[in-house]
C-alpha atoms as a PDB file:
ATOM      1  CA  MET A   1       0.445  -0.020  -0.182  1.00  0.00           C
ATOM      2  CA  ASN A   2       2.676   2.567   1.151  1.00  0.00           C
ATOM      3  CA  ASP A   3       4.032   1.952  -2.919  1.00  0.00           C
ATOM      4  CA  ILE A   4       0.850   2.461  -4.719  1.00  0.00           C
ATOM      5  CA  VAL A   5       3.008   5.400  -5.445  1.00  0.00           C
ATOM      6  CA  THR A   6       5.761   5.441  -7.072  1.00  0.00           C
ATOM      7  CA  ARG A   7       7.909   8.249  -6.381  1.00  0.00           C
ATOM      8  CA  TYR A   8      10.186   9.159  -8.791  1.00  0.00           C
ATOM      9  CA  ASP A   9      14.007   8.938  -7.538  1.00  0.00           C
ATOM     10  CA  LYS A  10      15.518  12.346  -8.611  1.00  0.00           C
ATOM     11  CA  ASN A  11      12.208  14.269  -7.436  1.00  0.00           C
ATOM     12  CA  PRO A  12      12.290  16.762  -6.778  1.00  0.00           C
ATOM     13  CA  ILE A  13      11.513  17.886 -10.691  1.00  0.00           C
ATOM     14  CA  LEU A  14      11.773  21.309 -10.317  1.00  0.00           C
ATOM     15  CA  THR A  15      13.112  24.270  -7.663  1.00  0.00           C
ATOM     16  CA  LYS A  16      13.195  27.738  -7.583  1.00  0.00           C
ATOM     17  CA  SER A  17      16.647  27.419  -9.138  1.00  0.00           C
ATOM     18  CA  ASP A  18      15.135  25.795 -12.004  1.00  0.00           C
ATOM     19  CA  VAL A  19      13.329  29.544 -12.941  1.00  0.00           C
ATOM     20  CA  PRO A  20      15.050  32.247 -14.238  1.00  0.00           C
ATOM     21  CA  TYR A  21      13.490  34.808 -13.621  1.00  0.00           C
ATOM     22  CA  PRO A  22      12.530  35.891  -9.614  1.00  0.00           C
ATOM     23  CA  VAL A  23      10.312  33.306  -7.154  1.00  0.00           C
ATOM     24  CA  GLU A  24      10.614  32.110  -3.825  1.00  0.00           C
ATOM     25  CA  THR A  25       8.598  28.512  -4.926  1.00  0.00           C
ATOM     26  CA  VAL A  26       7.707  25.808  -6.848  1.00  0.00           C
ATOM     27  CA  HIS A  27       4.590  23.896  -6.353  1.00  0.00           C
ATOM     28  CA  ASN A  28       0.932  23.403  -7.197  1.00  0.00           C
ATOM     29  CA  ALA A  29       1.112  22.635 -10.716  1.00  0.00           C
ATOM     30  CA  GLY A  30      -1.808  21.863 -13.538  1.00  0.00           C
ATOM     31  CA  ALA A  31      -0.178  19.148 -15.883  1.00  0.00           C
ATOM     32  CA  VAL A  32      -1.175  18.200 -19.294  1.00  0.00           C
ATOM     33  CA  LYS A  33       0.217  16.137 -22.429  1.00  0.00           C
ATOM     34  CA  HIS A  34      -0.158  18.656 -25.475  1.00  0.00           C
ATOM     35  CA  GLU A  35       1.180  17.662 -29.048  1.00  0.00           C
ATOM     36  CA  GLY A  36       3.592  15.034 -27.515  1.00  0.00           C
ATOM     37  CA  ARG A  37       5.386  17.227 -24.289  1.00  0.00           C
ATOM     38  CA  TYR A  38       4.290  17.513 -21.222  1.00  0.00           C
ATOM     39  CA  LEU A  39       3.795  21.144 -19.375  1.00  0.00           C
ATOM     40  CA  LEU A  40       3.246  22.088 -15.840  1.00  0.00           C
ATOM     41  CA  LEU A  41       1.592  24.993 -15.351  1.00  0.00           C
ATOM     42  CA  PHE A  42       3.151  26.366 -11.821  1.00  0.00           C
ATOM     43  CA  ARG A  43       2.481  28.605  -8.587  1.00  0.00           C
ATOM     44  CA  SER A  44       5.310  30.605  -7.893  1.00  0.00           C
ATOM     45  CA  HIS A  45       6.057  33.051  -4.825  1.00  0.00           C
ATOM     46  CA  ARG A  46       7.148  35.840  -6.265  1.00  0.00           C
ATOM     47  CA  ARG A  47       9.173  37.837  -3.340  1.00  0.00           C
ATOM     48  CA  ASN A  48       6.835  40.371  -2.407  1.00  0.00           C
ATOM     49  CA  GLY A  49       4.848  36.995  -1.479  1.00  0.00           C
ATOM     50  CA  ARG A  50       2.015  36.975  -4.264  1.00  0.00           C
ATOM     51  CA  SER A  51       1.941  34.480  -7.069  1.00  0.00           C
ATOM     52  CA  ILE A  52       2.279  34.021 -10.425  1.00  0.00           C
ATOM     53  CA  LEU A  53       1.968  31.114 -12.962  1.00  0.00           C
ATOM     54  CA  GLY A  54       4.872  29.755 -15.213  1.00  0.00           C
ATOM     55  CA  LEU A  55       5.628  27.239 -17.258  1.00  0.00           C
ATOM     56  CA  ALA A  56       8.066  24.033 -18.678  1.00  0.00           C
ATOM     57  CA  GLU A  57       8.319  22.027 -20.836  1.00  0.00           C
ATOM     58  CA  SER A  58       9.352  17.917 -20.943  1.00  0.00           C
ATOM     59  CA  ASP A  59       9.648  15.736 -23.380  1.00  0.00           C
ATOM     60  CA  ASP A  60       9.794  12.414 -20.874  1.00  0.00           C
ATOM     61  CA  GLY A  61       7.335  13.975 -18.309  1.00  0.00           C
ATOM     62  CA  PHE A  62      10.613  14.013 -15.352  1.00  0.00           C
ATOM     63  CA  ARG A  63      13.380  16.017 -16.613  1.00  0.00           C
ATOM     64  CA  PHE A  64      11.476  19.792 -17.284  1.00  0.00           C
ATOM     65  CA  ARG A  65      12.696  23.225 -18.653  1.00  0.00           C
ATOM     66  CA  VAL A  66      10.900  26.223 -17.709  1.00  0.00           C
ATOM     67  CA  ARG A  67      10.114  29.236 -19.699  1.00  0.00           C
ATOM     68  CA  PRO A  68      11.702  32.607 -19.281  1.00  0.00           C
ATOM     69  CA  GLU A  69       8.977  34.333 -18.817  1.00  0.00           C
ATOM     70  CA  PRO A  70       6.074  33.786 -16.697  1.00  0.00           C
ATOM     71  CA  PHE A  71       3.380  32.767 -18.186  1.00  0.00           C
ATOM     72  CA  MET A  72       0.170  33.947 -16.351  1.00  0.00           C
ATOM     73  CA  ALA A  73      -0.052  37.124 -13.923  1.00  0.00           C
ATOM     74  CA  PRO A  74      -1.996  39.137 -12.069  1.00  0.00           C
ATOM     75  CA  ALA A  75      -3.832  41.278 -14.438  1.00  0.00           C
ATOM     76  CA  THR A  76      -3.493  44.790 -14.971  1.00  0.00           C
ATOM     77  CA  GLU A  77      -7.270  46.537 -15.320  1.00  0.00           C
ATOM     78  CA  GLY A  78     -10.154  45.673 -15.184  1.00  0.00           C
ATOM     79  CA  VAL A  79     -11.896  43.477 -12.741  1.00  0.00           C
ATOM     80  CA  PHE A  80      -9.752  41.406 -12.981  1.00  0.00           C
ATOM     81  CA  ALA A  81      -6.839  43.419 -12.039  1.00  0.00           C
ATOM     82  CA  GLU A  82      -9.489  43.851  -9.180  1.00  0.00           C
ATOM     83  CA  TYR A  83     -10.011  40.066  -8.152  1.00  0.00           C
ATOM     84  CA  GLU A  84      -6.192  39.145  -8.704  1.00  0.00           C
ATOM     85  CA  GLU A  85      -4.839  41.579  -7.054  1.00  0.00           C
ATOM     86  CA  TYR A  86      -2.957  39.181  -4.523  1.00  0.00           C
ATOM     87  CA  GLY A  87      -2.354  36.612  -6.655  1.00  0.00           C
ATOM     88  CA  VAL A  88      -3.009  33.714  -9.340  1.00  0.00           C
ATOM     89  CA  GLU A  89      -3.228  30.415  -8.134  1.00  0.00           C
ATOM     90  CA  ASP A  90      -3.568  26.346  -8.377  1.00  0.00           C
ATOM     91  CA  CYS A  91      -3.876  26.713 -11.918  1.00  0.00           C
ATOM     92  CA  ARG A  92      -5.459  23.116 -13.665  1.00  0.00           C
ATOM     93  CA  ILE A  93      -6.044  22.039 -16.654  1.00  0.00           C
ATOM     94  CA  SER A  94      -8.654  20.744 -18.687  1.00  0.00           C
ATOM     95  CA  LEU A  95      -9.425  20.254 -22.404  1.00  0.00           C
ATOM     96  CA  VAL A  96     -12.594  20.141 -23.449  1.00  0.00           C
ATOM     97  CA  GLU A  97     -13.324  20.110 -26.490  1.00  0.00           C
ATOM     98  CA  GLY A  98      -9.870  21.076 -28.197  1.00  0.00           C
ATOM     99  CA  ALA A  99      -9.234  23.934 -26.109  1.00  0.00           C
ATOM    100  CA  TYR A 100      -7.502  23.632 -23.305  1.00  0.00           C
ATOM    101  CA  LEU A 101      -9.453  25.345 -20.057  1.00  0.00           C
ATOM    102  CA  LEU A 102      -7.393  26.404 -17.252  1.00  0.00           C
ATOM    103  CA  THR A 103      -9.194  27.113 -13.983  1.00  0.00           C
ATOM    104  CA  TYR A 104      -7.562  29.092 -11.375  1.00  0.00           C
ATOM    105  CA  SER A 105      -7.797  30.749  -7.850  1.00  0.00           C
ATOM    106  CA  ALA A 106      -7.898  34.631  -7.652  1.00  0.00           C
ATOM    107  CA  TYR A 107      -6.597  36.026  -5.061  1.00  0.00           C
ATOM    108  CA  SER A 108      -7.874  39.765  -3.708  1.00  0.00           C
ATOM    109  CA  ARG A 109      -9.224  42.195  -0.841  1.00  0.00           C
ATOM    110  CA  HIS A 110     -11.910  40.872  -1.438  1.00  0.00           C
ATOM    111  CA  GLY A 111     -11.291  36.604  -0.479  1.00  0.00           C
ATOM    112  CA  VAL A 112     -10.082  34.171  -3.378  1.00  0.00           C
ATOM    113  CA  ARG A 113     -12.514  32.933  -5.976  1.00  0.00           C
ATOM    114  CA  ILE A 114     -12.023  31.175  -9.541  1.00  0.00           C
ATOM    115  CA  GLY A 115     -10.718  32.810 -12.453  1.00  0.00           C
ATOM    116  CA  LEU A 116     -11.913  30.618 -15.994  1.00  0.00           C
ATOM    117  CA  ALA A 117      -8.671  31.846 -18.798  1.00  0.00           C
ATOM    118  CA  ARG A 118      -8.494  29.302 -22.488  1.00  0.00           C
ATOM    119  CA  THR A 119      -5.783  28.739 -24.448  1.00  0.00           C
ATOM    120  CA  THR A 120      -5.039  26.396 -27.599  1.00  0.00           C
ATOM    121  CA  ASP A 121      -1.054  26.551 -27.430  1.00  0.00           C
ATOM    122  CA  PHE A 122       0.625  27.684 -24.463  1.00  0.00           C
ATOM    123  CA  ALA A 123       1.790  30.481 -26.574  1.00  0.00           C
ATOM    124  CA  ALA A 124      -1.358  33.021 -26.243  1.00  0.00           C
ATOM    125  CA  VAL A 125      -3.997  32.726 -23.043  1.00  0.00           C
ATOM    126  CA  GLU A 126      -7.066  34.330 -23.007  1.00  0.00           C
ATOM    127  CA  ARG A 127      -9.490  35.457 -19.826  1.00  0.00           C
ATOM    128  CA  ILE A 128     -12.906  34.404 -19.845  1.00  0.00           C
ATOM    129  CA  ALA A 129     -14.770  35.267 -16.724  1.00  0.00           C
ATOM    130  CA  LEU A 130     -14.234  34.573 -13.420  1.00  0.00           C
ATOM    131  CA  ILE A 131     -16.827  31.858 -12.027  1.00  0.00           C
ATOM    132  CA  SER A 132     -17.971  31.669  -9.051  1.00  0.00           C
ATOM    133  CA  GLN A 133     -18.361  34.605  -5.916  1.00  0.00           C
ATOM    134  CA  ALA A 134     -16.121  34.472  -2.359  1.00  0.00           C
ATOM    135  CA  ASP A 135     -14.989  32.269  -1.093  1.00  0.00           C
ATOM    136  CA  MET A 136     -14.100  29.635  -3.670  1.00  0.00           C
ATOM    137  CA  ARG A 137     -11.933  27.782  -4.778  1.00  0.00           C
ATOM    138  CA  ASN A 138      -9.802  23.985  -6.394  1.00  0.00           C
ATOM    139  CA  ALA A 139     -12.028  24.090  -9.269  1.00  0.00           C
ATOM    140  CA  VAL A 140     -11.527  21.358 -11.958  1.00  0.00           C
ATOM    141  CA  ILE A 141     -13.406  21.068 -14.941  1.00  0.00           C
ATOM    142  CA  PHE A 142     -14.443  17.704 -16.444  1.00  0.00           C
ATOM    143  CA  PRO A 143     -12.616  16.892 -19.896  1.00  0.00           C
ATOM    144  CA  GLU A 144     -15.761  16.484 -21.364  1.00  0.00           C
ATOM    145  CA  LYS A 145     -19.024  17.713 -21.736  1.00  0.00           C
ATOM    146  CA  ILE A 146     -22.016  15.506 -19.823  1.00  0.00           C
ATOM    147  CA  ASP A 147     -25.715  15.922 -20.913  1.00  0.00           C
ATOM    148  CA  GLY A 148     -25.047  18.477 -23.116  1.00  0.00           C
ATOM    149  CA  ARG A 149     -23.263  20.485 -19.698  1.00  0.00           C
ATOM    150  CA  TYR A 150     -20.124  21.115 -18.541  1.00  0.00           C
ATOM    151  CA  ALA A 151     -19.328  20.268 -14.868  1.00  0.00           C
ATOM    152  CA  ARG A 152     -16.343  20.838 -12.055  1.00  0.00           C
ATOM    153  CA  LEU A 153     -15.863  19.812  -8.892  1.00  0.00           C
ATOM    154  CA  ASP A 154     -15.050  22.626  -6.852  1.00  0.00           C
ATOM    155  CA  ARG A 155     -14.437  23.037  -2.595  1.00  0.00           C
ATOM    156  CA  PRO A 156     -16.449  26.144  -1.018  1.00  0.00           C
ATOM    157  CA  HIS A 157     -15.201  27.881   2.174  1.00  0.00           C
ATOM    158  CA  SER A 158     -17.812  26.842   4.927  1.00  0.00           C
ATOM    159  CA  HIS A 159     -17.699  27.370   8.694  1.00  0.00           C
ATOM    160  CA  ILE A 160     -21.515  25.983   8.738  1.00  0.00           C
ATOM    161  CA  ALA A 161     -20.223  22.230   7.503  1.00  0.00           C
ATOM    162  CA  PRO A 162     -16.198  20.831   6.799  1.00  0.00           C
ATOM    163  CA  TRP A 163     -14.523  22.299   3.585  1.00  0.00           C
ATOM    164  CA  SER A 164     -16.204  19.221   1.417  1.00  0.00           C
ATOM    165  CA  ILE A 165     -16.054  18.699  -2.837  1.00  0.00           C
ATOM    166  CA  TRP A 166     -19.466  19.852  -4.523  1.00  0.00           C
ATOM    167  CA  ILE A 167     -20.197  19.623  -8.138  1.00  0.00           C
ATOM    168  CA  SER A 168     -21.807  22.603 -10.257  1.00  0.00           C
ATOM    169  CA  TYR A 169     -22.466  22.058 -13.935  1.00  0.00           C
ATOM    170  CA  SER A 170     -22.786  24.751 -16.678  1.00  0.00           C
ATOM    171  CA  THR A 171     -23.964  25.082 -20.411  1.00  0.00           C
ATOM    172  CA  ASP A 172     -21.696  28.699 -21.660  1.00  0.00           C
ATOM    173  CA  LEU A 173     -19.015  27.922 -19.048  1.00  0.00           C
ATOM    174  CA  ILE A 174     -19.758  31.367 -17.351  1.00  0.00           C
ATOM    175  CA  HIS A 175     -23.179  30.198 -14.859  1.00  0.00           C
ATOM    176  CA  TRP A 176     -22.636  28.032 -13.119  1.00  0.00           C
ATOM    177  CA  GLY A 177     -25.270  26.132 -10.142  1.00  0.00           C
ATOM    178  CA  ASP A 178     -27.853  22.509  -9.711  1.00  0.00           C
ATOM    179  CA  SER A 179     -24.347  22.287  -7.704  1.00  0.00           C
ATOM    180  CA  ARG A 180     -24.550  19.305  -5.161  1.00  0.00           C
ATOM    181  CA  LEU A 181     -22.646  18.508  -2.531  1.00  0.00           C
ATOM    182  CA  VAL A 182     -20.682  14.844  -3.143  1.00  0.00           C
ATOM    183  CA  ILE A 183     -17.968  14.246  -0.247  1.00  0.00           C
ATOM    184  CA  LYS A 184     -17.591  15.012   2.723  1.00  0.00           C
ATOM    185  CA  PRO A 185     -14.599  14.890   5.108  1.00  0.00           C
ATOM    186  CA  ALA A 186     -14.821  11.899   7.589  1.00  0.00           C
ATOM    187  CA  THR A 187     -14.157  12.282  11.343  1.00  0.00           C
ATOM    188  CA  TYR A 188     -11.117  10.850  12.706  1.00  0.00           C
ATOM    189  CA  HIS A 189      -9.787  10.070   8.913  1.00  0.00           C
ATOM    190  CA  TRP A 190      -6.983  10.712   7.910  1.00  0.00           C
ATOM    191  CA  ASP A 191      -9.316  13.879   5.689  1.00  0.00           C
ATOM    192  CA  GLU A 192     -11.410  14.842   8.405  1.00  0.00           C
ATOM    193  CA  GLN A 193     -10.734  18.197   9.020  1.00  0.00           C
ATOM    194  CA  LYS A 194     -10.803  19.900   4.813  1.00  0.00           C
ATOM    195  CA  ILE A 195     -10.989  17.746   1.439  1.00  0.00           C
ATOM    196  CA  GLY A 196     -11.091  19.890  -2.153  1.00  0.00           C
ATOM    197  CA  PRO A 197     -10.046  17.922  -5.917  1.00  0.00           C
ATOM    198  CA  GLY A 198      -6.995  17.814  -7.025  1.00  0.00           C
ATOM    199  CA  ALA A 199      -6.153  16.900 -10.925  1.00  0.00           C
ATOM    200  CA  THR A 200      -8.274  16.555 -13.485  1.00  0.00           C
ATOM    201  CA  PRO A 201     -10.814  13.872 -13.424  1.00  0.00           C
ATOM    202  CA  ILE A 202      -9.418  10.956 -15.081  1.00  0.00           C
ATOM    203  CA  LYS A 203     -11.440   8.445 -17.964  1.00  0.00           C
ATOM    204  CA  THR A 204     -12.265   5.150 -16.937  1.00  0.00           C
ATOM    205  CA  GLU A 205     -14.228   1.656 -17.454  1.00  0.00           C
ATOM    206  CA  ALA A 206     -15.313   2.215 -13.725  1.00  0.00           C
ATOM    207  CA  GLY A 207     -16.068   6.225 -13.692  1.00  0.00           C
ATOM    208  CA  TRP A 208     -14.063   9.353 -13.003  1.00  0.00           C
ATOM    209  CA  LEU A 209     -11.228   8.906 -11.246  1.00  0.00           C
ATOM    210  CA  ASN A 210     -11.117  11.659  -8.704  1.00  0.00           C
ATOM    211  CA  ILE A 211      -7.638  12.676  -7.779  1.00  0.00           C
ATOM    212  CA  TYR A 212      -8.385  14.813  -4.402  1.00  0.00           C
ATOM    213  CA  HIS A 213      -6.562  16.643  -1.471  1.00  0.00           C
ATOM    214  CA  GLY A 214      -7.049  16.104   2.172  1.00  0.00           C
ATOM    215  CA  VAL A 215      -5.735  17.343   5.672  1.00  0.00           C
ATOM    216  CA  PHE A 216      -5.577  16.182   9.082  1.00  0.00           C
ATOM    217  CA  SER A 217      -4.774  18.264  12.095  1.00  0.00           C
ATOM    218  CA  THR A 218      -2.263  17.630  14.318  1.00  0.00           C
ATOM    219  CA  THR A 219      -0.883  19.931  17.524  1.00  0.00           C
ATOM    220  CA  ARG A 220       2.009  21.247  15.021  1.00  0.00           C
ATOM    221  CA  GLY A 221      -0.749  22.362  12.194  1.00  0.00           C
ATOM    222  CA  GLY A 222      -2.221  19.993   9.433  1.00  0.00           C
ATOM    223  CA  VAL A 223      -0.745  17.653   7.304  1.00  0.00           C
ATOM    224  CA  TYR A 224      -1.519  16.966   3.169  1.00  0.00           C
ATOM    225  CA  ARG A 225      -2.329  13.354   1.312  1.00  0.00           C
ATOM    226  CA  LEU A 226      -4.050  12.316  -1.736  1.00  0.00           C
ATOM    227  CA  GLY A 227      -6.816  10.186  -1.923  1.00  0.00           C
ATOM    228  CA  VAL A 228      -9.144   8.372  -4.490  1.00  0.00           C
ATOM    229  CA  ALA A 229     -12.579   8.474  -5.398  1.00  0.00           C
ATOM    230  CA  LEU A 230     -14.786   6.918  -8.767  1.00  0.00           C
ATOM    231  CA  HIS A 231     -17.707   9.011  -9.788  1.00  0.00           C
ATOM    232  CA  ASP A 232     -20.127   7.656 -12.277  1.00  0.00           C
ATOM    233  CA  LEU A 233     -19.233   7.808 -15.840  1.00  0.00           C
ATOM    234  CA  GLU A 234     -23.383   9.389 -16.743  1.00  0.00           C
ATOM    235  CA  ASP A 235     -24.180  10.986 -13.447  1.00  0.00           C
ATOM    236  CA  PRO A 236     -20.377  11.957 -11.700  1.00  0.00           C
ATOM    237  CA  ALA A 237     -22.353  13.512  -8.693  1.00  0.00           C
ATOM    238  CA  THR A 238     -23.439   9.899  -7.686  1.00  0.00           C
ATOM    239  CA  VAL A 239     -19.954   8.765  -6.112  1.00  0.00           C
ATOM    240  CA  ILE A 240     -19.133   5.216  -6.761  1.00  0.00           C
ATOM    241  CA  GLY A 241     -16.402   5.164  -4.008  1.00  0.00           C
ATOM    242  CA  VAL A 242     -14.146   6.949  -1.952  1.00  0.00           C
ATOM    243  CA  ALA A 243     -11.051   5.390  -1.586  1.00  0.00           C
ATOM    244  CA  ASP A 244     -10.326   4.510   2.152  1.00  0.00           C
ATOM    245  CA  ASP A 245      -6.847   4.372   2.288  1.00  0.00           C
ATOM    246  CA  TRP A 246      -4.110   7.800   1.509  1.00  0.00           C
ATOM    247  CA  ILE A 247      -1.899   7.223  -1.662  1.00  0.00           C
ATOM    248  CA  LEU A 248       0.555   9.163  -1.683  1.00  0.00           C
ATOM    249  CA  GLN A 249       1.532  11.275   2.227  1.00  0.00           C
ATOM    250  CA  PRO A 250       4.326  13.625   2.678  1.00  0.00           C
ATOM    251  CA  ALA A 251       7.732  11.059   3.590  1.00  0.00           C
ATOM    252  CA  ASP A 252      10.684  13.084   1.546  1.00  0.00           C
ATOM    253  CA  PRO A 253      12.621  15.556   3.479  1.00  0.00           C
ATOM    254  CA  TRP A 254      11.497  18.745   1.014  1.00  0.00           C
ATOM    255  CA  GLU A 255       7.470  16.762   1.156  1.00  0.00           C
ATOM    256  CA  LEU A 256       8.111  17.977   5.679  1.00  0.00           C
ATOM    257  CA  ALA A 257       9.721  21.079   5.611  1.00  0.00           C
ATOM    258  CA  GLY A 258       9.390  23.652   3.433  1.00  0.00           C
ATOM    259  CA  TYR A 259       7.328  26.862   3.110  1.00  0.00           C
ATOM    260  CA  VAL A 260       4.747  24.977   4.652  1.00  0.00           C
ATOM    261  CA  ASN A 261       5.226  21.371   6.563  1.00  0.00           C
ATOM    262  CA  ASN A 262       3.835  18.543   5.861  1.00  0.00           C
ATOM    263  CA  VAL A 263       2.381  18.351   2.078  1.00  0.00           C
ATOM    264  CA  VAL A 264       1.926  17.322  -0.895  1.00  0.00           C
ATOM    265  CA  PHE A 265      -0.963  18.345  -2.770  1.00  0.00           C
ATOM    266  CA  THR A 266      -1.501  18.115  -6.859  1.00  0.00           C
ATOM    267  CA  CYS A 267      -3.241  20.329  -8.775  1.00  0.00           C
ATOM    268  CA  GLY A 268      -2.796  17.648 -12.228  1.00  0.00           C
ATOM    269  CA  ALA A 269      -1.907  14.073 -13.271  1.00  0.00           C
ATOM    270  CA  VAL A 270      -1.050  12.594 -16.455  1.00  0.00           C
ATOM    271  CA  PRO A 271      -2.811   8.872 -18.002  1.00  0.00           C
ATOM    272  CA  GLU A 272      -0.500   7.489 -20.351  1.00  0.00           C
ATOM    273  CA  VAL A 273      -1.722   5.100 -22.944  1.00  0.00           C
ATOM    274  CA  ASP A 274      -0.220   1.728 -20.451  1.00  0.00           C
ATOM    275  CA  GLY A 275      -2.237   2.511 -17.812  1.00  0.00           C
ATOM    276  CA  THR A 276      -0.242   3.857 -15.653  1.00  0.00           C
ATOM    277  CA  VAL A 277      -0.749   8.060 -14.253  1.00  0.00           C
ATOM    278  CA  LYS A 278       2.181  10.604 -13.498  1.00  0.00           C
ATOM    279  CA  ILE A 279       1.157  12.876 -10.450  1.00  0.00           C
ATOM    280  CA  TYR A 280       2.550  16.270  -9.656  1.00  0.00           C
ATOM    281  CA  TRP A 281       2.636  17.553  -6.610  1.00  0.00           C
ATOM    282  CA  GLY A 282       3.940  19.865  -4.808  1.00  0.00           C
ATOM    283  CA  GLY A 283       5.595  19.176  -1.589  1.00  0.00           C
ATOM    284  CA  ALA A 284       5.833  21.371   0.966  1.00  0.00           C
ATOM    285  CA  ASP A 285       4.805  24.561  -1.387  1.00  0.00           C
ATOM    286  CA  GLN A 286       7.503  24.467  -2.696  1.00  0.00           C
ATOM    287  CA  VAL A 287       9.479  22.654  -4.583  1.00  0.00           C
ATOM    288  CA  MET A 288       7.901  20.108  -7.627  1.00  0.00           C
ATOM    289  CA  CYS A 289       7.445  16.216  -7.410  1.00  0.00           C
ATOM    290  CA  VAL A 290       5.837  13.594  -9.623  1.00  0.00           C
ATOM    291  CA  GLY A 291       5.493   8.990  -9.285  1.00  0.00           C
ATOM    292  CA  THR A 292       3.788   7.093 -10.869  1.00  0.00           C
ATOM    293  CA  ALA A 293       0.094   4.776 -10.366  1.00  0.00           C
ATOM    294  CA  LYS A 294      -1.499   2.075 -12.437  1.00  0.00           C
ATOM    295  CA  ILE A 295      -4.917   3.238 -12.637  1.00  0.00           C
ATOM    296  CA  ASP A 296      -6.327  -0.039 -12.006  1.00  0.00           C
ATOM    297  CA  ASP A 297      -4.678  -0.153  -8.575  1.00  0.00           C
ATOM    298  CA  LEU A 298      -6.207   3.084  -7.997  1.00  0.00           C
ATOM    299  CA  VAL A 299      -9.738   2.690  -9.166  1.00  0.00           C
ATOM    300  CA  ASP A 300      -9.092  -0.477  -7.023  1.00  0.00           C
ATOM    301  CA  LEU A 301      -9.001   1.260  -4.086  1.00  0.00           C
ATOM    302  CA  CYS A 302     -11.884   2.990  -4.487  1.00  0.00           C
ATOM    303  CA  LEU A 303     -14.151  -0.475  -5.258  1.00  0.00           C
ATOM    304  CA  LYS A 304     -12.433  -2.963  -2.953  1.00  0.00           C
ATOM    305  CA  ASN A 305     -11.864  -0.831   0.426  1.00  0.00           C
ATOM    306  CA  PRO A 306     -14.112   2.658   0.380  1.00  0.00           C
ATOM    307  CA  ARG A 307     -15.276   4.615   3.202  1.00  0.00           C
ATOM    308  CA  PRO A 308     -18.802   6.567   2.828  1.00  0.00           C
ATOM    309  CA  ALA A 309     -19.094   9.913   0.585  1.00  0.00           C
ATOM    310  CA  ILE A 310     -21.069  11.795   2.853  1.00  0.00           C
END
């Protein structure tokens, strides 16, 4: 069980020293394979403490080179400037009908909400809309329409109930609704404090595989781990199973100590034709790491040893 995700033996794959402009962290990257190359849209803290998105490229998914300029920085005019003034963070990437949809957290004095942008080539990027109110983050769009609608997993902030995973739908990508709670943290469990969507859902024969993060509170702070859930293909609001066990926890030195200690946090994974998946995660909110797993093993965890979704 400890080896269900095999860490790359040359982790971390990206650090601030790999970035050709001044940053203090490299973490929480959306991931995709575009025209045969692996791309990471990673988050970095500038030296003023605010976040931008950079882009790294690779031929093999392990050895990356960072482009010389940031891919996306807070907007400087219009409504996006007002709601991104404190940073853009934690991008997820979904290929839907020939375009890459980028969901990201937009931070400002008004709180955090979800921004949506689009690109076809990762050279130019177009902001589309701010698609949630505050406080909302960790939104990821399914990589195909379901019954004619776009679907997304997201995580509203709430002090009424534990921070949980919800699903919402849209016909135009801008107006979202028909929202439902789908997965809650489990009491005295590795994810009991809060959970949130991680990587873009992966389509399998058994269902949509959702690699999510969960947090357990300790006297030394929260511990961020990764888990998996399986959603019905035709009705992803129906959760087939949530694995009782985590699949990855902080273990290496750069995951145990850093900008935020005891963190593995994913925003992206790339499924491969051989049935494996490359999972990318931020270690301690400071470096980028990668590991591999068998998709069937992750699905089996959800089916053979589940805990209640709600």
